[in-house]
């Protein structure tokens, strides 16, 4: 993994890394609410091909997005 980029000498940032295909991505840990095990999504009619469907998470309906499909990558 690449070295972290710091905007100031004493600043630090925690990142979560993940793979989409063979490409590595990262997200600031402070932007992540939780990480959950896979839950099957309810399909949506007429949704774009990269939308797997939606899940109900404690009363909130959340879309499930296939990042590889959204970015035009092969899985």
N, C-alpha and C. Protein backbone atom coordinates (compact mmCIF):
# COMPACT_ATOMS: atom_id res chain seq x y z
N UNK A 1 0.84 -1.17 0.00
CA UNK A 1 0.00 0.00 0.00
C UNK A 1 0.88 1.23 0.00
N UNK A 2 0.42 2.31 -0.60
CA UNK A 2 1.17 3.54 -0.68
C UNK A 2 1.29 4.18 0.70
N UNK A 3 2.29 5.04 0.84
CA UNK A 3 2.48 5.75 2.10
C UNK A 3 1.35 6.74 2.31
N UNK A 4 0.92 6.96 3.58
CA UNK A 4 -0.15 7.91 3.84
C UNK A 4 0.28 9.33 3.49
N UNK A 5 -0.67 10.13 3.04
CA UNK A 5 -0.41 11.52 2.71
C UNK A 5 -0.89 12.36 3.89
N UNK A 6 0.00 13.11 4.49
CA UNK A 6 -0.35 13.94 5.64
C UNK A 6 -0.33 15.40 5.24
N UNK A 7 -1.34 16.15 5.65
CA UNK A 7 -1.39 17.57 5.33
C UNK A 7 -0.55 18.38 6.32
N UNK A 8 -0.29 17.83 7.49
CA UNK A 8 0.54 18.49 8.50
C UNK A 8 1.44 17.42 9.13
N UNK A 9 2.60 17.82 9.64
CA UNK A 9 3.53 16.82 10.19
C UNK A 9 2.93 15.93 11.27
N UNK A 10 2.10 16.45 12.20
CA UNK A 10 1.56 15.60 13.25
C UNK A 10 0.17 15.07 12.96
N UNK A 11 -0.34 15.26 11.78
CA UNK A 11 -1.68 14.72 11.49
C UNK A 11 -1.56 13.26 11.06
N UNK A 12 -2.58 12.50 11.38
CA UNK A 12 -2.62 11.12 10.92
C UNK A 12 -4.05 10.81 10.50
N UNK A 13 -4.17 9.87 9.62
CA UNK A 13 -5.49 9.51 9.09
C UNK A 13 -5.56 8.00 9.05
N UNK A 14 -6.65 7.46 9.57
CA UNK A 14 -6.86 6.02 9.51
C UNK A 14 -7.74 5.71 8.30
N UNK A 15 -7.31 4.75 7.51
CA UNK A 15 -8.02 4.40 6.29
C UNK A 15 -8.42 2.93 6.31
N UNK A 16 -9.55 2.65 5.70
CA UNK A 16 -9.97 1.28 5.46
C UNK A 16 -9.71 1.02 3.99
N UNK A 17 -8.99 -0.06 3.69
CA UNK A 17 -8.71 -0.39 2.29
C UNK A 17 -9.53 -1.60 1.87
N UNK A 18 -9.86 -1.63 0.59
CA UNK A 18 -10.61 -2.75 0.04
C UNK A 18 -10.29 -2.87 -1.44
N UNK A 19 -10.53 -4.05 -1.98
CA UNK A 19 -10.27 -4.32 -3.39
C UNK A 19 -11.56 -4.35 -4.17
N UNK A 20 -11.53 -3.78 -5.34
CA UNK A 20 -12.60 -3.92 -6.33
C UNK A 20 -11.89 -4.46 -7.56
N UNK A 21 -12.12 -5.73 -7.86
CA UNK A 21 -11.32 -6.40 -8.88
C UNK A 21 -9.89 -6.46 -8.38
N UNK A 22 -8.95 -5.96 -9.15
CA UNK A 22 -7.55 -5.93 -8.71
C UNK A 22 -7.12 -4.53 -8.27
N UNK A 23 -8.05 -3.59 -8.26
CA UNK A 23 -7.76 -2.20 -7.89
C UNK A 23 -8.00 -1.98 -6.40
N UNK A 24 -7.04 -1.35 -5.73
CA UNK A 24 -7.18 -1.07 -4.30
C UNK A 24 -7.74 0.33 -4.09
N UNK A 25 -8.72 0.45 -3.20
CA UNK A 25 -9.34 1.72 -2.85
C UNK A 25 -9.24 1.90 -1.34
N UNK A 26 -9.42 3.14 -0.87
CA UNK A 26 -9.45 3.37 0.57
C UNK A 26 -10.48 4.45 0.88
N UNK A 27 -10.96 4.39 2.12
CA UNK A 27 -11.95 5.34 2.63
C UNK A 27 -11.50 5.75 4.02
N UNK A 28 -11.64 7.02 4.35
CA UNK A 28 -11.33 7.48 5.69
C UNK A 28 -12.23 6.76 6.69
N UNK A 29 -11.65 6.20 7.73
CA UNK A 29 -12.41 5.42 8.70
C UNK A 29 -13.52 6.26 9.35
N UNK A 30 -13.34 7.56 9.43
CA UNK A 30 -14.36 8.42 10.03
C UNK A 30 -15.59 8.58 9.13
N UNK A 31 -15.49 8.17 7.87
CA UNK A 31 -16.63 8.22 6.95
C UNK A 31 -17.44 6.93 6.97
N UNK A 32 -16.98 5.93 7.71
CA UNK A 32 -17.64 4.62 7.74
C UNK A 32 -18.47 4.51 9.02
N UNK A 33 -19.75 4.23 8.85
CA UNK A 33 -20.63 4.07 10.01
C UNK A 33 -20.48 2.69 10.63
N UNK A 34 -20.51 1.64 9.79
CA UNK A 34 -20.33 0.28 10.27
C UNK A 34 -20.01 -0.64 9.11
N UNK A 35 -19.45 -1.79 9.43
CA UNK A 35 -19.17 -2.83 8.44
C UNK A 35 -20.00 -4.03 8.85
N UNK A 36 -20.77 -4.55 7.92
CA UNK A 36 -21.69 -5.64 8.23
C UNK A 36 -21.42 -6.85 7.33
N UNK A 37 -21.93 -7.99 7.77
CA UNK A 37 -21.88 -9.17 6.92
C UNK A 37 -22.89 -8.98 5.79
N UNK A 38 -22.72 -9.75 4.73
CA UNK A 38 -23.59 -9.63 3.57
C UNK A 38 -25.03 -9.98 3.92
N UNK A 39 -25.95 -9.16 3.47
CA UNK A 39 -27.38 -9.39 3.59
C UNK A 39 -27.95 -9.34 2.19
N UNK A 40 -28.71 -10.34 1.77
CA UNK A 40 -29.28 -10.29 0.42
C UNK A 40 -30.13 -9.03 0.23
N UNK A 41 -29.98 -8.42 -0.93
CA UNK A 41 -30.71 -7.19 -1.24
C UNK A 41 -32.01 -7.51 -1.96
N UNK A 42 -32.99 -6.64 -1.76
CA UNK A 42 -34.26 -6.75 -2.49
C UNK A 42 -34.07 -6.05 -3.83
N UNK A 43 -34.22 -6.75 -4.94
CA UNK A 43 -34.02 -6.13 -6.26
C UNK A 43 -35.01 -5.00 -6.52
N UNK A 44 -34.58 -4.04 -7.33
CA UNK A 44 -35.42 -2.92 -7.72
C UNK A 44 -35.67 -2.98 -9.22
N UNK A 45 -36.92 -2.85 -9.60
CA UNK A 45 -37.25 -2.81 -11.03
C UNK A 45 -36.73 -1.51 -11.63
N UNK A 46 -36.22 -1.59 -12.83
CA UNK A 46 -35.75 -0.44 -13.61
C UNK A 46 -34.55 0.28 -12.99
N UNK A 47 -33.85 -0.37 -12.07
CA UNK A 47 -32.65 0.22 -11.48
C UNK A 47 -31.48 0.02 -12.44
N UNK A 48 -30.48 0.89 -12.39
CA UNK A 48 -29.28 0.67 -13.21
C UNK A 48 -28.65 -0.68 -12.88
N UNK A 49 -27.89 -1.21 -13.81
CA UNK A 49 -27.31 -2.55 -13.64
C UNK A 49 -26.37 -2.65 -12.45
N UNK A 50 -25.76 -1.54 -12.03
CA UNK A 50 -24.84 -1.58 -10.90
C UNK A 50 -25.54 -1.52 -9.54
N UNK A 51 -26.85 -1.30 -9.51
CA UNK A 51 -27.61 -1.31 -8.26
C UNK A 51 -28.10 -2.73 -8.02
N UNK A 52 -27.58 -3.36 -6.98
CA UNK A 52 -27.95 -4.74 -6.65
C UNK A 52 -29.34 -4.80 -6.03
N UNK A 53 -29.77 -3.72 -5.44
CA UNK A 53 -31.06 -3.66 -4.77
C UNK A 53 -30.96 -2.78 -3.54
N UNK A 54 -31.86 -3.01 -2.58
CA UNK A 54 -31.86 -2.24 -1.35
C UNK A 54 -31.97 -3.17 -0.15
N UNK A 55 -31.51 -2.70 1.00
CA UNK A 55 -31.70 -3.42 2.25
C UNK A 55 -32.36 -2.47 3.24
N UNK A 56 -32.99 -3.05 4.25
CA UNK A 56 -33.58 -2.27 5.33
C UNK A 56 -32.65 -2.40 6.53
N UNK A 57 -32.01 -1.31 6.90
CA UNK A 57 -31.09 -1.31 8.03
C UNK A 57 -31.68 -0.46 9.14
N UNK A 58 -32.28 -1.13 10.12
CA UNK A 58 -32.91 -0.45 11.25
C UNK A 58 -33.88 0.64 10.80
N UNK A 59 -34.69 0.32 9.81
CA UNK A 59 -35.72 1.24 9.33
C UNK A 59 -35.28 2.17 8.21
N UNK A 60 -34.01 2.20 7.88
CA UNK A 60 -33.51 3.03 6.78
C UNK A 60 -33.31 2.14 5.56
N UNK A 61 -33.85 2.55 4.44
CA UNK A 61 -33.69 1.81 3.19
C UNK A 61 -32.41 2.30 2.52
N UNK A 62 -31.46 1.37 2.34
CA UNK A 62 -30.15 1.72 1.79
C UNK A 62 -29.89 0.98 0.48
N UNK A 63 -29.38 1.69 -0.53
CA UNK A 63 -29.06 1.02 -1.78
C UNK A 63 -27.77 0.22 -1.64
N UNK A 64 -27.71 -0.90 -2.35
CA UNK A 64 -26.50 -1.73 -2.41
C UNK A 64 -25.93 -1.57 -3.82
N UNK A 65 -24.72 -1.04 -3.90
CA UNK A 65 -24.09 -0.71 -5.17
C UNK A 65 -22.93 -1.66 -5.43
N UNK A 66 -22.85 -2.20 -6.63
CA UNK A 66 -21.72 -3.01 -7.08
C UNK A 66 -20.68 -2.04 -7.65
N UNK A 67 -19.63 -1.74 -6.87
CA UNK A 67 -18.64 -0.75 -7.30
C UNK A 67 -17.94 -1.15 -8.59
N UNK A 68 -17.62 -2.42 -8.74
CA UNK A 68 -16.95 -2.87 -9.97
C UNK A 68 -17.82 -2.57 -11.18
N UNK A 69 -19.11 -2.89 -11.09
CA UNK A 69 -20.02 -2.61 -12.21
C UNK A 69 -20.16 -1.11 -12.43
N UNK A 70 -20.24 -0.35 -11.35
CA UNK A 70 -20.41 1.11 -11.46
C UNK A 70 -19.20 1.76 -12.12
N UNK A 71 -18.02 1.22 -11.83
CA UNK A 71 -16.79 1.78 -12.39
C UNK A 71 -16.43 1.16 -13.74
N UNK A 72 -17.28 0.25 -14.22
CA UNK A 72 -17.03 -0.38 -15.51
C UNK A 72 -15.91 -1.40 -15.48
N UNK A 73 -15.64 -1.96 -14.31
CA UNK A 73 -14.57 -2.95 -14.16
C UNK A 73 -15.16 -4.34 -14.26
N UNK A 74 -14.35 -5.29 -14.68
CA UNK A 74 -14.80 -6.67 -14.69
C UNK A 74 -14.56 -7.25 -13.31
N UNK A 75 -15.49 -8.05 -12.80
CA UNK A 75 -15.33 -8.59 -11.44
C UNK A 75 -14.20 -9.58 -11.33
